[in-house]
């Protein structure tokens, strides 16, 4: 299903078309992929925090890349996400967040202010 070599060929072609990295976000990832990570590492994280990644994502990060080139600024690295979080504000909450991944996600209804804000966003 996932093939790193095929993905690298596609990214090489994209880089030839966008040599100056003018497409949104491409100057960040530069059409490069991070190396895949060990399946045993991912499984140990799943076990430690009590969750299971979707199989497609698991296979992607262990067979193709641990982040790198992708839509917008690229695909966030699973390893970096685990160790650093996404920004300095949330760093203090990452341990709690990682353990929360074991809990089922239950969407909530939007409050009226959110409906107004997002219904007319352009």
PDB file of N, CA and C in Angstrom:
ATOM      1  N   UNK A   1       0.821  -1.189   0.000  1.00  0.00           N
ATOM      2  CA  UNK A   1       0.000   0.000   0.000  1.00  0.00           C
ATOM      3  C   UNK A   1       0.868   1.259   0.000  1.00  0.00           C
ATOM      4  N   UNK A   2       1.619   1.483   1.063  1.00  0.00           N
ATOM      5  CA  UNK A   2       2.503   2.637   1.117  1.00  0.00           C
ATOM      6  C   UNK A   2       3.868   2.226   0.589  1.00  0.00           C
ATOM      7  N   UNK A   3       4.439   3.087  -0.233  1.00  0.00           N
ATOM      8  CA  UNK A   3       5.771   2.803  -0.754  1.00  0.00           C
ATOM      9  C   UNK A   3       6.600   4.080  -0.685  1.00  0.00           C
ATOM     10  N   UNK A   4       7.615   4.044   0.131  1.00  0.00           N
ATOM     11  CA  UNK A   4       8.464   5.217   0.304  1.00  0.00           C
ATOM     12  C   UNK A   4       9.085   5.657  -1.014  1.00  0.00           C
ATOM     13  N   UNK A   5       9.577   4.713  -1.796  1.00  0.00           N
ATOM     14  CA  UNK A   5      10.260   5.051  -3.041  1.00  0.00           C
ATOM     15  C   UNK A   5       9.329   5.786  -4.002  1.00  0.00           C
ATOM     16  N   UNK A   6       8.109   5.319  -4.132  1.00  0.00           N
ATOM     17  CA  UNK A   6       7.136   5.964  -5.019  1.00  0.00           C
ATOM     18  C   UNK A   6       6.816   7.376  -4.524  1.00  0.00           C
ATOM     19  N   UNK A   7       6.669   7.522  -3.223  1.00  0.00           N
ATOM     20  CA  UNK A   7       6.387   8.835  -2.638  1.00  0.00           C
ATOM     21  C   UNK A   7       7.551   9.785  -2.896  1.00  0.00           C
ATOM     22  N   UNK A   8       8.781   9.301  -2.755  1.00  0.00           N
ATOM     23  CA  UNK A   8       9.957  10.137  -3.007  1.00  0.00           C
ATOM     24  C   UNK A   8      10.016  10.580  -4.467  1.00  0.00           C
ATOM     25  N   UNK A   9       9.632   9.709  -5.392  1.00  0.00           N
ATOM     26  CA  UNK A   9       9.611  10.070  -6.816  1.00  0.00           C
ATOM     27  C   UNK A   9       8.606  11.189  -7.070  1.00  0.00           C
ATOM     28  N   UNK A  10       7.439  11.064  -6.478  1.00  0.00           N
ATOM     29  CA  UNK A  10       6.402  12.093  -6.647  1.00  0.00           C
ATOM     30  C   UNK A  10       6.882  13.426  -6.086  1.00  0.00           C
ATOM     31  N   UNK A  11       7.499  13.386  -4.911  1.00  0.00           N
ATOM     32  CA  UNK A  11       7.996  14.620  -4.298  1.00  0.00           C
ATOM     33  C   UNK A  11       9.128  15.238  -5.118  1.00  0.00           C
ATOM     34  N   UNK A  12       9.948  14.413  -5.727  1.00  0.00           N
ATOM     35  CA  UNK A  12      11.025  14.899  -6.588  1.00  0.00           C
ATOM     36  C   UNK A  12      10.445  15.631  -7.795  1.00  0.00           C
ATOM     37  N   UNK A  13       9.394  15.077  -8.365  1.00  0.00           N
ATOM     38  CA  UNK A  13       8.724  15.732  -9.486  1.00  0.00           C
ATOM     39  C   UNK A  13       8.104  17.058  -9.049  1.00  0.00           C
ATOM     40  N   UNK A  14       7.481  17.070  -7.884  1.00  0.00           N
ATOM     41  CA  UNK A  14       6.871  18.297  -7.366  1.00  0.00           C
ATOM     42  C   UNK A  14       7.931  19.375  -7.153  1.00  0.00           C
ATOM     43  N   UNK A  15       9.094  18.976  -6.658  1.00  0.00           N
ATOM     44  CA  UNK A  15      10.160  19.943  -6.412  1.00  0.00           C
ATOM     45  C   UNK A  15      10.686  20.515  -7.728  1.00  0.00           C
ATOM     46  N   UNK A  16      10.704  19.701  -8.769  1.00  0.00           N
ATOM     47  CA  UNK A  16      11.140  20.198 -10.084  1.00  0.00           C
ATOM     48  C   UNK A  16      10.163  21.241 -10.633  1.00  0.00           C
ATOM     49  N   UNK A  17       8.891  21.049 -10.361  1.00  0.00           N
ATOM     50  CA  UNK A  17       7.865  21.995 -10.814  1.00  0.00           C
ATOM     51  C   UNK A  17       7.909  23.271  -9.977  1.00  0.00           C
ATOM     52  N   UNK A  18       8.166  23.143  -8.696  1.00  0.00           N
ATOM     53  CA  UNK A  18       8.163  24.273  -7.765  1.00  0.00           C
ATOM     54  C   UNK A  18       9.582  24.517  -7.245  1.00  0.00           C
ATOM     55  N   UNK A  19      10.492  24.846  -8.147  1.00  0.00           N
ATOM     56  CA  UNK A  19      11.912  24.993  -7.799  1.00  0.00           C
ATOM     57  C   UNK A  19      12.181  26.095  -6.774  1.00  0.00           C
ATOM     58  N   UNK A  20      11.336  27.112  -6.776  1.00  0.00           N
ATOM     59  CA  UNK A  20      11.551  28.237  -5.866  1.00  0.00           C
ATOM     60  C   UNK A  20      10.701  28.128  -4.605  1.00  0.00           C
ATOM     61  N   UNK A  21      10.069  26.991  -4.398  1.00  0.00           N
ATOM     62  CA  UNK A  21       9.221  26.738  -3.218  1.00  0.00           C
ATOM     63  C   UNK A  21       8.168  27.836  -3.051  1.00  0.00           C
ATOM     64  N   UNK A  22       7.434  28.085  -4.123  1.00  0.00           N
ATOM     65  CA  UNK A  22       6.424  29.136  -4.097  1.00  0.00           C
ATOM     66  C   UNK A  22       5.055  28.633  -3.641  1.00  0.00           C
ATOM     67  N   UNK A  23       4.815  27.343  -3.712  1.00  0.00           N
ATOM     68  CA  UNK A  23       3.551  26.795  -3.225  1.00  0.00           C
ATOM     69  C   UNK A  23       3.482  26.962  -1.711  1.00  0.00           C
ATOM     70  N   UNK A  24       2.297  27.293  -1.214  1.00  0.00           N
ATOM     71  CA  UNK A  24       2.136  27.547   0.216  1.00  0.00           C
ATOM     72  C   UNK A  24       2.707  26.407   1.060  1.00  0.00           C
ATOM     73  N   UNK A  25       3.597  26.738   1.980  1.00  0.00           N
ATOM     74  CA  UNK A  25       4.161  25.777   2.919  1.00  0.00           C
ATOM     75  C   UNK A  25       5.368  25.012   2.410  1.00  0.00           C
ATOM     76  N   UNK A  26       5.598  25.021   1.102  1.00  0.00           N
ATOM     77  CA  UNK A  26       6.690  24.197   0.560  1.00  0.00           C
ATOM     78  C   UNK A  26       8.063  24.685   1.004  1.00  0.00           C
ATOM     79  N   UNK A  27       8.195  25.966   1.315  1.00  0.00           N
ATOM     80  CA  UNK A  27       9.495  26.450   1.790  1.00  0.00           C
ATOM     81  C   UNK A  27       9.826  25.881   3.171  1.00  0.00           C
ATOM     82  N   UNK A  28       8.817  25.377   3.870  1.00  0.00           N
ATOM     83  CA  UNK A  28       9.044  24.756   5.176  1.00  0.00           C
ATOM     84  C   UNK A  28       9.515  23.316   5.015  1.00  0.00           C
ATOM     85  N   UNK A  29       8.803  22.521   4.220  1.00  0.00           N
ATOM     86  CA  UNK A  29       9.156  21.099   4.104  1.00  0.00           C
ATOM     87  C   UNK A  29      10.081  20.785   2.928  1.00  0.00           C
ATOM     88  N   UNK A  30      10.174  21.701   1.949  1.00  0.00           N
ATOM     89  CA  UNK A  30      11.071  21.564   0.800  1.00  0.00           C
ATOM     90  C   UNK A  30      10.952  20.208   0.089  1.00  0.00           C
ATOM     91  N   UNK A  31       9.766  19.617   0.158  1.00  0.00           N
ATOM     92  CA  UNK A  31       9.471  18.336  -0.517  1.00  0.00           C
ATOM     93  C   UNK A  31      10.348  17.190  -0.002  1.00  0.00           C
ATOM     94  N   UNK A  32      10.756  17.269   1.236  1.00  0.00           N
ATOM     95  CA  UNK A  32      11.580  16.226   1.859  1.00  0.00           C
ATOM     96  C   UNK A  32      10.768  15.469   2.900  1.00  0.00           C
ATOM     97  N   UNK A  33      11.065  14.195   3.054  1.00  0.00           N
ATOM     98  CA  UNK A  33      10.437  13.355   4.075  1.00  0.00           C
ATOM     99  C   UNK A  33      11.441  13.035   5.166  1.00  0.00           C
ATOM    100  N   UNK A  34      10.970  12.907   6.381  1.00  0.00           N
ATOM    101  CA  UNK A  34      11.802  12.394   7.470  1.00  0.00           C
ATOM    102  C   UNK A  34      11.884  10.875   7.309  1.00  0.00           C
ATOM    103  N   UNK A  35      12.903  10.262   7.857  1.00  0.00           N
ATOM    104  CA  UNK A  35      12.960   8.794   7.798  1.00  0.00           C
ATOM    105  C   UNK A  35      11.808   8.176   8.586  1.00  0.00           C
ATOM    106  N   UNK A  36      11.355   6.982   8.186  1.00  0.00           N
ATOM    107  CA  UNK A  36      10.328   6.288   8.978  1.00  0.00           C
ATOM    108  C   UNK A  36      10.874   5.947  10.358  1.00  0.00           C
ATOM    109  N   UNK A  37       9.996   5.658  11.294  1.00  0.00           N
ATOM    110  CA  UNK A  37      10.427   5.281  12.641  1.00  0.00           C
ATOM    111  C   UNK A  37      10.133   3.803  12.880  1.00  0.00           C
ATOM    112  N   UNK A  38      10.769   3.255  13.876  1.00  0.00           N
ATOM    113  CA  UNK A  38      10.632   1.839  14.190  1.00  0.00           C
ATOM    114  C   UNK A  38       9.227   1.519  14.710  1.00  0.00           C
ATOM    115  N   UNK A  39       8.657   0.460  14.168  1.00  0.00           N
ATOM    116  CA  UNK A  39       7.325   0.021  14.600  1.00  0.00           C
ATOM    117  C   UNK A  39       7.318  -0.288  16.099  1.00  0.00           C
ATOM    118  N   UNK A  40       8.387  -0.854  16.588  1.00  0.00           N
ATOM    119  CA  UNK A  40       8.444  -1.204  18.016  1.00  0.00           C
ATOM    120  C   UNK A  40       8.367   0.045  18.898  1.00  0.00           C
ATOM    121  N   UNK A  41       8.963   1.148  18.445  1.00  0.00           N
ATOM    122  CA  UNK A  41       8.886   2.415  19.191  1.00  0.00           C
ATOM    123  C   UNK A  41       7.443   2.897  19.247  1.00  0.00           C
ATOM    124  N   UNK A  42       6.761   2.873  18.104  1.00  0.00           N
ATOM    125  CA  UNK A  42       5.371   3.343  18.053  1.00  0.00           C
ATOM    126  C   UNK A  42       4.493   2.472  18.941  1.00  0.00           C
ATOM    127  N   UNK A  43       4.652   1.168  18.849  1.00  0.00           N
ATOM    128  CA  UNK A  43       3.841   0.258  19.677  1.00  0.00           C
ATOM    129  C   UNK A  43       4.106   0.494  21.160  1.00  0.00           C
ATOM    130  N   UNK A  44       5.357   0.809  21.516  1.00  0.00           N
ATOM    131  CA  UNK A  44       5.657   1.065  22.933  1.00  0.00           C
ATOM    132  C   UNK A  44       4.962   2.333  23.422  1.00  0.00           C
ATOM    133  N   UNK A  45       4.854   3.339  22.547  1.00  0.00           N
ATOM    134  CA  UNK A  45       4.147   4.574  22.906  1.00  0.00           C
ATOM    135  C   UNK A  45       2.656   4.285  23.062  1.00  0.00           C
ATOM    136  N   UNK A  46       2.101   3.511  22.135  1.00  0.00           N
ATOM    137  CA  UNK A  46       0.689   3.141  22.234  1.00  0.00           C
ATOM    138  C   UNK A  46       0.411   2.421  23.548  1.00  0.00           C
ATOM    139  N   UNK A  47       1.289   1.504  23.889  1.00  0.00           N
ATOM    140  CA  UNK A  47       1.099   0.734  25.126  1.00  0.00           C
ATOM    141  C   UNK A  47       1.240   1.630  26.361  1.00  0.00           C
ATOM    142  N   UNK A  48       2.253   2.488  26.344  1.00  0.00           N
ATOM    143  CA  UNK A  48       2.498   3.366  27.492  1.00  0.00           C
ATOM    144  C   UNK A  48       1.310   4.288  27.763  1.00  0.00           C
ATOM    145  N   UNK A  49       0.738   4.867  26.704  1.00  0.00           N
ATOM    146  CA  UNK A  49      -0.335   5.844  26.877  1.00  0.00           C
ATOM    147  C   UNK A  49      -1.727   5.255  26.682  1.00  0.00           C
ATOM    148  N   UNK A  50      -1.822   3.978  26.331  1.00  0.00           N
ATOM    149  CA  UNK A  50      -3.098   3.299  26.280  1.00  0.00           C
ATOM    150  C   UNK A  50      -3.980   3.622  25.088  1.00  0.00           C
ATOM    151  N   UNK A  51      -3.385   3.855  23.920  1.00  0.00           N
ATOM    152  CA  UNK A  51      -4.183   4.097  22.714  1.00  0.00           C
ATOM    153  C   UNK A  51      -3.582   3.311  21.558  1.00  0.00           C
ATOM    154  N   UNK A  52      -4.329   3.218  20.475  1.00  0.00           N
ATOM    155  CA  UNK A  52      -3.853   2.559  19.261  1.00  0.00           C
ATOM    156  C   UNK A  52      -4.063   3.499  18.090  1.00  0.00           C
ATOM    157  N   UNK A  53      -3.007   3.741  17.351  1.00  0.00           N
ATOM    158  CA  UNK A  53      -3.116   4.600  16.170  1.00  0.00           C
ATOM    159  C   UNK A  53      -3.900   3.890  15.073  1.00  0.00           C
ATOM    160  N   UNK A  54      -4.553   4.651  14.202  1.00  0.00           N
ATOM    161  CA  UNK A  54      -5.169   4.019  13.032  1.00  0.00           C
ATOM    162  C   UNK A  54      -4.098   3.288  12.219  1.00  0.00           C
ATOM    163  N   UNK A  55      -4.434   2.133  11.707  1.00  0.00           N
ATOM    164  CA  UNK A  55      -3.454   1.287  11.010  1.00  0.00           C
ATOM    165  C   UNK A  55      -2.790   2.001   9.829  1.00  0.00           C
ATOM    166  N   UNK A  56      -3.542   2.773   9.051  1.00  0.00           N
ATOM    167  CA  UNK A  56      -2.946   3.486   7.913  1.00  0.00           C
ATOM    168  C   UNK A  56      -1.879   4.473   8.377  1.00  0.00           C
ATOM    169  N   UNK A  57      -2.165   5.204   9.450  1.00  0.00           N
ATOM    170  CA  UNK A  57      -1.191   6.162   9.959  1.00  0.00           C
ATOM    171  C   UNK A  57       0.023   5.434  10.523  1.00  0.00           C
ATOM    172  N   UNK A  58      -0.216   4.364  11.252  1.00  0.00           N
ATOM    173  CA  UNK A  58       0.884   3.562  11.792  1.00  0.00           C
ATOM    174  C   UNK A  58       1.803   3.100  10.664  1.00  0.00           C
ATOM    175  N   UNK A  59       1.211   2.565   9.619  1.00  0.00           N
ATOM    176  CA  UNK A  59       2.015   2.077   8.488  1.00  0.00           C
ATOM    177  C   UNK A  59       2.741   3.218   7.793  1.00  0.00           C
ATOM    178  N   UNK A  60       2.096   4.374   7.676  1.00  0.00           N
ATOM    179  CA  UNK A  60       2.747   5.516   7.033  1.00  0.00           C
ATOM    180  C   UNK A  60       3.998   5.931   7.797  1.00  0.00           C
ATOM    181  N   UNK A  61       3.877   6.118   9.103  1.00  0.00           N
ATOM    182  CA  UNK A  61       5.039   6.618   9.856  1.00  0.00           C
ATOM    183  C   UNK A  61       6.122   5.561  10.036  1.00  0.00           C
ATOM    184  N   UNK A  62       5.776   4.289   9.892  1.00  0.00           N
ATOM    185  CA  UNK A  62       6.788   3.234  10.048  1.00  0.00           C
ATOM    186  C   UNK A  62       7.333   2.725   8.705  1.00  0.00           C
ATOM    187  N   UNK A  63       6.644   3.023   7.612  1.00  0.00           N
ATOM    188  CA  UNK A  63       7.099   2.533   6.305  1.00  0.00           C
ATOM    189  C   UNK A  63       7.510   3.648   5.345  1.00  0.00           C
ATOM    190  N   UNK A  64       6.887   4.819   5.469  1.00  0.00           N
ATOM    191  CA  UNK A  64       7.156   5.900   4.510  1.00  0.00           C
ATOM    192  C   UNK A  64       7.942   7.031   5.162  1.00  0.00           C
ATOM    193  N   UNK A  65       7.362   7.673   6.167  1.00  0.00           N
ATOM    194  CA  UNK A  65       8.033   8.835   6.757  1.00  0.00           C
ATOM    195  C   UNK A  65       7.425   9.221   8.092  1.00  0.00           C
ATOM    196  N   UNK A  66       8.277   9.670   8.975  1.00  0.00           N
ATOM    197  CA  UNK A  66       7.823  10.250  10.242  1.00  0.00           C
ATOM    198  C   UNK A  66       7.664  11.750  10.025  1.00  0.00           C
ATOM    199  N   UNK A  67       6.728  12.092   9.165  1.00  0.00           N
ATOM    200  CA  UNK A  67       6.474  13.488   8.864  1.00  0.00           C
ATOM    201  C   UNK A  67       7.346  13.996   7.738  1.00  0.00           C
ATOM    202  N   UNK A  68       7.179  15.264   7.458  1.00  0.00           N
ATOM    203  CA  UNK A  68       7.916  15.901   6.373  1.00  0.00           C
ATOM    204  C   UNK A  68       6.942  16.495   5.372  1.00  0.00           C
ATOM    205  N   UNK A  69       7.259  16.402   4.088  1.00  0.00           N
ATOM    206  CA  UNK A  69       6.448  16.995   3.021  1.00  0.00           C
ATOM    207  C   UNK A  69       5.002  16.542   3.104  1.00  0.00           C
ATOM    208  N   UNK A  70       4.117  17.473   2.831  1.00  0.00           N
ATOM    209  CA  UNK A  70       2.689  17.182   2.839  1.00  0.00           C
ATOM    210  C   UNK A  70       1.910  18.456   2.606  1.00  0.00           C
ATOM    211  N   UNK A  71       0.623  18.432   2.817  1.00  0.00           N
ATOM    212  CA  UNK A  71      -0.186  19.641   2.608  1.00  0.00           C
ATOM    213  C   UNK A  71       0.285  20.780   3.509  1.00  0.00           C
ATOM    214  N   UNK A  72       0.091  21.989   3.036  1.00  0.00           N
ATOM    215  CA  UNK A  72       0.443  23.196   3.786  1.00  0.00           C
ATOM    216  C   UNK A  72       1.907  23.158   4.230  1.00  0.00           C
ATOM    217  N   UNK A  73       2.148  23.202   5.545  1.00  0.00           N
ATOM    218  CA  UNK A  73       3.530  23.216   6.040  1.00  0.00           C
ATOM    219  C   UNK A  73       4.123  21.816   6.150  1.00  0.00           C
ATOM    220  N   UNK A  74       3.378  20.802   5.789  1.00  0.00           N
ATOM    221  CA  UNK A  74       3.870  19.436   5.839  1.00  0.00           C
ATOM    222  C   UNK A  74       3.208  18.641   6.949  1.00  0.00           C
ATOM    223  N   UNK A  75       3.622  17.393   7.060  1.00  0.00           N
ATOM    224  CA  UNK A  75       3.051  16.474   8.042  1.00  0.00           C
ATOM    225  C   UNK A  75       3.903  16.520   9.308  1.00  0.00           C
ATOM    226  N   UNK A  76       3.268  16.755  10.426  1.00  0.00           N
ATOM    227  CA  UNK A  76       3.970  16.825  11.711  1.00  0.00           C
ATOM    228  C   UNK A  76       4.614  15.483  12.039  1.00  0.00           C
ATOM    229  N   UNK A  77       5.798  15.511  12.536  1.00  0.00           N
ATOM    230  CA  UNK A  77       6.511  14.306  12.960  1.00  0.00           C
ATOM    231  C   UNK A  77       5.874  13.722  14.217  1.00  0.00           C
ATOM    232  N   UNK A  78       5.578  12.432  14.195  1.00  0.00           N
ATOM    233  CA  UNK A  78       5.037  11.751  15.367  1.00  0.00           C
ATOM    234  C   UNK A  78       6.028  11.854  16.523  1.00  0.00           C
ATOM    235  N   UNK A  79       7.290  11.641  16.255  1.00  0.00           N
ATOM    236  CA  UNK A  79       8.327  11.700  17.292  1.00  0.00           C
ATOM    237  C   UNK A  79       8.417  13.106  17.882  1.00  0.00           C
ATOM    238  N   UNK A  80       8.431  14.116  17.013  1.00  0.00           N
ATOM    239  CA  UNK A  80       8.516  15.497  17.491  1.00  0.00           C
ATOM    240  C   UNK A  80       7.265  15.868  18.282  1.00  0.00           C
ATOM    241  N   UNK A  81       6.107  15.433  17.807  1.00  0.00           N
ATOM    242  CA  UNK A  81       4.847  15.686  18.498  1.00  0.00           C
ATOM    243  C   UNK A  81       4.904  15.120  19.918  1.00  0.00           C
ATOM    244  N   UNK A  82       5.468  13.928  20.055  1.00  0.00           N
ATOM    245  CA  UNK A  82       5.548  13.298  21.377  1.00  0.00           C
ATOM    246  C   UNK A  82       6.502  14.017  22.307  1.00  0.00           C
ATOM    247  N   UNK A  83       7.600  14.511  21.763  1.00  0.00           N
ATOM    248  CA  UNK A  83       8.617  15.096  22.626  1.00  0.00           C
ATOM    249  C   UNK A  83       8.460  16.587  22.835  1.00  0.00           C
ATOM    250  N   UNK A  84       7.897  17.295  21.825  1.00  0.00           N
ATOM    251  CA  UNK A  84       7.860  18.755  21.911  1.00  0.00           C
ATOM    252  C   UNK A  84       6.467  19.353  21.947  1.00  0.00           C
ATOM    253  N   UNK A  85       5.475  18.668  21.443  1.00  0.00           N
ATOM    254  CA  UNK A  85       4.162  19.281  21.310  1.00  0.00           C
ATOM    255  C   UNK A  85       4.144  20.182  20.097  1.00  0.00           C
ATOM    256  N   UNK A  86       3.167  21.028  20.006  1.00  0.00           N
ATOM    257  CA  UNK A  86       3.065  21.868  18.831  1.00  0.00           C
ATOM    258  C   UNK A  86       3.454  23.324  19.066  1.00  0.00           C
ATOM    259  N   UNK A  87       3.432  23.780  20.293  1.00  0.00           N
ATOM    260  CA  UNK A  87       3.856  25.150  20.560  1.00  0.00           C
ATOM    261  C   UNK A  87       4.232  25.303  22.037  1.00  0.00           C
ATOM    262  N   UNK A  88       4.843  26.422  22.347  1.00  0.00           N
ATOM    263  CA  UNK A  88       5.329  26.622  23.720  1.00  0.00           C
ATOM    264  C   UNK A  88       4.190  26.725  24.732  1.00  0.00           C
ATOM    265  N   UNK A  89       3.047  27.252  24.322  1.00  0.00           N
ATOM    266  CA  UNK A  89       1.914  27.384  25.240  1.00  0.00           C
ATOM    267  C   UNK A  89       1.452  26.023  25.739  1.00  0.00           C
ATOM    268  N   UNK A  90       1.396  25.047  24.843  1.00  0.00           N
ATOM    269  CA  UNK A  90       0.825  23.753  25.208  1.00  0.00           C
ATOM    270  C   UNK A  90       1.840  22.769  25.780  1.00  0.00           C
ATOM    271  N   UNK A  91       3.119  23.120  25.781  1.00  0.00           N
ATOM    272  CA  UNK A  91       4.133  22.173  26.255  1.00  0.00           C
ATOM    273  C   UNK A  91       3.830  21.612  27.637  1.00  0.00           C
ATOM    274  N   UNK A  92       3.330  22.429  28.522  1.00  0.00           N
ATOM    275  CA  UNK A  92       3.048  21.984  29.877  1.00  0.00           C
ATOM    276  C   UNK A  92       1.923  20.969  29.967  1.00  0.00           C
ATOM    277  N   UNK A  93       1.146  20.839  28.919  1.00  0.00           N
ATOM    278  CA  UNK A  93      -0.011  19.950  28.932  1.00  0.00           C
ATOM    279  C   UNK A  93       0.220  18.650  28.173  1.00  0.00           C
ATOM    280  N   UNK A  94       1.390  18.448  27.594  1.00  0.00           N
ATOM    281  CA  UNK A  94       1.578  17.305  26.700  1.00  0.00           C
ATOM    282  C   UNK A  94       1.490  15.956  27.392  1.00  0.00           C
ATOM    283  N   UNK A  95       2.021  15.837  28.582  1.00  0.00           N
ATOM    284  CA  UNK A  95       1.939  14.550  29.269  1.00  0.00           C
ATOM    285  C   UNK A  95       0.472  14.186  29.501  1.00  0.00           C
ATOM    286  N   UNK A  96      -0.284  15.132  30.020  1.00  0.00           N
ATOM    287  CA  UNK A  96      -1.712  14.906  30.256  1.00  0.00           C
ATOM    288  C   UNK A  96      -2.432  14.601  28.939  1.00  0.00           C
ATOM    289  N   UNK A  97      -2.091  15.331  27.902  1.00  0.00           N
ATOM    290  CA  UNK A  97      -2.728  15.117  26.598  1.00  0.00           C
ATOM    291  C   UNK A  97      -2.445  13.712  26.063  1.00  0.00           C
ATOM    292  N   UNK A  98      -1.208  13.285  26.134  1.00  0.00           N
ATOM    293  CA  UNK A  98      -0.859  11.952  25.609  1.00  0.00           C
ATOM    294  C   UNK A  98      -1.645  10.854  26.324  1.00  0.00           C
ATOM    295  N   UNK A  99      -1.812  10.984  27.629  1.00  0.00           N
ATOM    296  CA  UNK A  99      -2.610   9.994  28.351  1.00  0.00           C
ATOM    297  C   UNK A  99      -4.095  10.100  27.991  1.00  0.00           C
ATOM    298  N   UNK A 100      -4.537  11.285  27.609  1.00  0.00           N
ATOM    299  CA  UNK A 100      -5.945  11.454  27.244  1.00  0.00           C
ATOM    300  C   UNK A 100      -6.278  10.769  25.928  1.00  0.00           C
ATOM    301  N   UNK A 101      -5.269  10.417  25.135  1.00  0.00           N
ATOM    302  CA  UNK A 101      -5.517   9.752  23.854  1.00  0.00           C
ATOM    303  C   UNK A 101      -6.198   8.390  24.027  1.00  0.00           C
ATOM    304  N   UNK A 102      -6.115   7.827  25.197  1.00  0.00           N
ATOM    305  CA  UNK A 102      -6.745   6.536  25.463  1.00  0.00           C
ATOM    306  C   UNK A 102      -8.253   6.673  25.686  1.00  0.00           C
ATOM    307  N   UNK A 103      -8.714   7.890  25.918  1.00  0.00           N
ATOM    308  CA  UNK A 103     -10.144   8.104  26.176  1.00  0.00           C
ATOM    309  C   UNK A 103     -10.878   8.288  24.856  1.00  0.00           C
ATOM    310  N   UNK A 104     -12.085   7.763  24.746  1.00  0.00           N
ATOM    311  CA  UNK A 104     -12.857   7.960  23.512  1.00  0.00           C
ATOM    312  C   UNK A 104     -13.138   9.438  23.281  1.00  0.00           C
ATOM    313  N   UNK A 105     -13.124   9.834  22.019  1.00  0.00           N
ATOM    314  CA  UNK A 105     -13.432  11.213  21.668  1.00  0.00           C
ATOM    315  C   UNK A 105     -14.936  11.356  21.505  1.00  0.00           C
ATOM    316  N   UNK A 106     -15.504  12.300  22.212  1.00  0.00           N
ATOM    317  CA  UNK A 106     -16.938  12.550  22.116  1.00  0.00           C
ATOM    318  C   UNK A 106     -17.105  14.004  21.670  1.00  0.00           C
ATOM    319  N   UNK A 107     -17.551  14.210  20.425  1.00  0.00           N
ATOM    320  CA  UNK A 107     -17.720  15.594  19.966  1.00  0.00           C
ATOM    321  C   UNK A 107     -18.818  16.299  20.762  1.00  0.00           C
ATOM    322  N   UNK A 108     -18.658  17.561  20.920  1.00  0.00           N
ATOM    323  CA  UNK A 108     -19.661  18.355  21.628  1.00  0.00           C
ATOM    324  C   UNK A 108     -20.365  19.247  20.614  1.00  0.00           C
ATOM    325  N   UNK A 109     -21.547  19.697  20.970  1.00  0.00           N
ATOM    326  CA  UNK A 109     -22.284  20.623  20.115  1.00  0.00           C
ATOM    327  C   UNK A 109     -21.602  21.987  20.154  1.00  0.00           C
ATOM    328  N   UNK A 110     -21.670  22.698  19.048  1.00  0.00           N
ATOM    329  CA  UNK A 110     -21.118  24.050  19.013  1.00  0.00           C
ATOM    330  C   UNK A 110     -22.024  24.978  19.822  1.00  0.00           C
ATOM    331  N   UNK A 111     -21.407  25.928  20.504  1.00  0.00           N
ATOM    332  CA  UNK A 111     -22.198  26.935  21.207  1.00  0.00           C
ATOM    333  C   UNK A 111     -22.573  28.023  20.208  1.00  0.00           C
ATOM    334  N   UNK A 112     -23.576  28.828  20.517  1.00  0.00           N
ATOM    335  CA  UNK A 112     -24.104  29.797  19.556  1.00  0.00           C
ATOM    336  C   UNK A 112     -23.030  30.753  19.024  1.00  0.00           C
ATOM    337  N   UNK A 113     -22.088  31.157  19.865  1.00  0.00           N
ATOM    338  CA  UNK A 113     -21.029  32.060  19.415  1.00  0.00           C
ATOM    339  C   UNK A 113     -20.165  31.394  18.342  1.00  0.00           C
ATOM    340  N   UNK A 114     -19.903  30.093  18.497  1.00  0.00           N
ATOM    341  CA  UNK A 114     -19.108  29.375  17.508  1.00  0.00           C
ATOM    342  C   UNK A 114     -19.868  29.232  16.201  1.00  0.00           C
ATOM    343  N   UNK A 115     -21.159  28.970  16.282  1.00  0.00           N
ATOM    344  CA  UNK A 115     -21.967  28.837  15.067  1.00  0.00           C
ATOM    345  C   UNK A 115     -21.902  30.132  14.272  1.00  0.00           C
ATOM    346  N   UNK A 116     -22.101  31.259  14.948  1.00  0.00           N
ATOM    347  CA  UNK A 116     -22.046  32.557  14.271  1.00  0.00           C
ATOM    348  C   UNK A 116     -20.666  32.816  13.689  1.00  0.00           C
ATOM    349  N   UNK A 117     -19.615  32.513  14.461  1.00  0.00           N
ATOM    350  CA  UNK A 117     -18.244  32.788  14.011  1.00  0.00           C
ATOM    351  C   UNK A 117     -17.888  31.962  12.789  1.00  0.00           C
ATOM    352  N   UNK A 118     -18.194  30.660  12.810  1.00  0.00           N
ATOM    353  CA  UNK A 118     -17.743  29.791  11.738  1.00  0.00           C
ATOM    354  C   UNK A 118     -18.723  29.685  10.577  1.00  0.00           C
ATOM    355  N   UNK A 119     -19.977  30.016  10.788  1.00  0.00           N
ATOM    356  CA  UNK A 119     -20.963  29.929   9.712  1.00  0.00           C
ATOM    357  C   UNK A 119     -20.715  30.985   8.644  1.00  0.00           C
ATOM    358  N   UNK A 120     -20.149  32.111   9.036  1.00  0.00           N
ATOM    359  CA  UNK A 120     -19.962  33.202   8.087  1.00  0.00           C
ATOM    360  C   UNK A 120     -18.482  33.457   7.795  1.00  0.00           C
ATOM    361  N   UNK A 121     -17.619  32.560   8.234  1.00  0.00           N
ATOM    362  CA  UNK A 121     -16.185  32.726   7.974  1.00  0.00           C
ATOM    363  C   UNK A 121     -15.920  32.554   6.487  1.00  0.00           C
ATOM    364  N   UNK A 122     -15.071  33.357   5.962  1.00  0.00           N
ATOM    365  CA  UNK A 122     -14.729  33.277   4.528  1.00  0.00           C
ATOM    366  C   UNK A 122     -13.251  33.172   4.373  1.00  0.00           C
TER     367      UNK A 122
END
